[in-house]
Amino acid sequence: MAVDFNPVRVEFPVTVHGRPHLLVARIVLPEPEAASRLSRPGWFFCMHGATVDWRYWCTRVEGYGDDYDSSAFFAGRGFGTVAIDVFTVGESAYDGD
């Protein structure tokens, strides 16, 4: 099942060592019909490793639809995804010590 792929960008202001920083994530909403079959809402909060950004959990490969997309797999089964960029990677900047 193809999922409408339109991740929503969200920002979380955080304080680290007394200095303000920004943690950025993308949210992929669950497919409503699949979510309605669950006994309660379910969400995955996903953080990547190494040097990749939020797209690690939302991989789109031309010509393959949702085949490589974890967030689409989860959404099609009624679960939402919050794909978080860790500090210094993607849009979560960190200029601290």
Protein backbone atom coordinates (compact mmCIF):
# COMPACT_ATOMS: atom_id res chain seq x y z
CA MET A 1 0.00 0.00 0.00
CA ALA A 2 1.43 3.37 -1.01
CA VAL A 3 1.49 5.95 1.74
CA ASP A 4 1.04 9.67 1.05
CA PHE A 5 4.64 10.70 1.63
CA ASN A 6 4.65 14.21 3.01
CA PRO A 7 6.70 14.29 6.22
CA VAL A 8 6.00 17.28 8.42
CA ARG A 9 9.06 19.17 9.69
CA VAL A 10 8.99 19.97 13.42
CA GLU A 11 11.46 21.79 15.64
CA PHE A 12 12.18 21.16 19.30
CA PRO A 13 14.09 23.92 21.09
CA VAL A 14 16.38 22.39 23.71
CA THR A 15 19.00 23.68 26.13
CA VAL A 16 22.35 21.92 26.37
CA HIS A 17 25.03 23.16 28.77
CA GLY A 18 22.94 26.29 29.31
CA ARG A 19 22.85 27.17 25.60
CA PRO A 20 19.86 27.00 23.24
CA HIS A 21 19.92 24.55 20.33
CA LEU A 22 17.40 23.16 17.88
CA LEU A 23 16.49 19.50 17.45
CA VAL A 24 14.69 18.90 14.14
CA ALA A 25 12.53 15.92 13.15
CA ARG A 26 10.13 14.79 10.47
CA ILE A 27 6.74 13.26 11.28
CA VAL A 28 5.06 10.73 9.00
CA LEU A 29 1.43 10.25 9.97
CA PRO A 30 -0.12 6.80 10.16
CA GLU A 31 -2.56 5.68 7.49
CA PRO A 32 -5.95 6.52 9.11
CA GLU A 33 -7.78 3.31 8.24
CA ALA A 34 -4.92 1.12 9.48
CA ALA A 35 -4.60 3.23 12.64
CA SER A 36 -8.32 2.81 13.37
CA ARG A 37 -7.80 -0.96 13.61
CA LEU A 38 -5.24 -0.63 16.41
CA SER A 39 -6.36 -0.86 20.04
CA ARG A 40 -4.34 2.31 20.82
CA PRO A 41 -2.15 4.77 18.92
CA GLY A 42 1.39 3.68 18.16
CA TRP A 43 4.39 5.83 17.31
CA PHE A 44 8.03 5.08 16.51
CA PHE A 45 10.58 7.67 17.65
CA CYS A 46 13.57 6.93 15.44
CA MET A 47 17.11 8.26 15.60
CA HIS A 48 19.61 7.33 12.94
CA GLY A 49 23.24 6.50 13.45
CA ALA A 50 26.49 7.78 11.97
CA THR A 51 26.21 10.53 9.36
CA VAL A 52 22.76 10.01 7.84
CA ASP A 53 19.78 12.24 8.59
CA TRP A 54 16.03 11.67 9.03
CA ARG A 55 15.86 10.15 5.54
CA TYR A 56 17.39 6.98 6.99
CA TRP A 57 13.87 6.17 8.23
CA CYS A 58 12.10 7.75 5.22
CA THR A 59 14.12 6.43 2.27
CA ARG A 60 12.60 7.04 -1.14
CA VAL A 61 14.22 5.27 -4.10
CA GLU A 62 13.00 6.33 -7.53
CA GLY A 63 10.96 3.58 -9.16
CA TYR A 64 10.53 1.51 -5.99
CA GLY A 65 7.67 3.32 -4.26
CA ASP A 66 7.59 2.47 -0.56
CA ASP A 67 9.84 -0.62 -0.81
CA TYR A 68 12.77 0.96 1.09
CA ASP A 69 10.81 3.29 3.35
CA SER A 70 10.48 2.21 6.99
CA SER A 71 8.13 5.09 7.80
CA ALA A 72 5.79 4.03 4.95
CA PHE A 73 5.87 0.44 6.22
CA PHE A 74 4.92 1.63 9.71
CA ALA A 75 2.29 4.09 8.42
CA GLY A 76 0.61 1.43 6.31
CA ARG A 77 0.17 -0.61 9.47
CA GLY A 78 -1.25 2.28 11.47
CA PHE A 79 1.90 3.54 13.21
CA GLY A 80 3.30 7.06 13.00
CA THR A 81 7.00 7.86 12.77
CA VAL A 82 9.02 10.70 14.28
CA ALA A 83 12.41 10.62 12.48
CA ILE A 84 14.80 12.77 14.52
CA ASP A 85 18.03 14.35 13.28
CA VAL A 86 20.67 13.99 15.98
CA PHE A 87 22.83 17.00 16.82
CA THR A 88 25.41 17.94 14.15
CA VAL A 89 23.64 15.89 11.45
CA GLY A 90 20.87 17.01 9.13
CA GLU A 91 19.07 20.07 10.38
CA SER A 92 19.79 19.62 14.11
CA ALA A 93 22.62 22.08 14.49
CA TYR A 94 24.88 22.02 17.50
CA ASP A 95 27.68 24.52 17.89
CA GLY A 96 28.40 23.74 21.52
CA ASP A 97 31.30 22.38 23.46
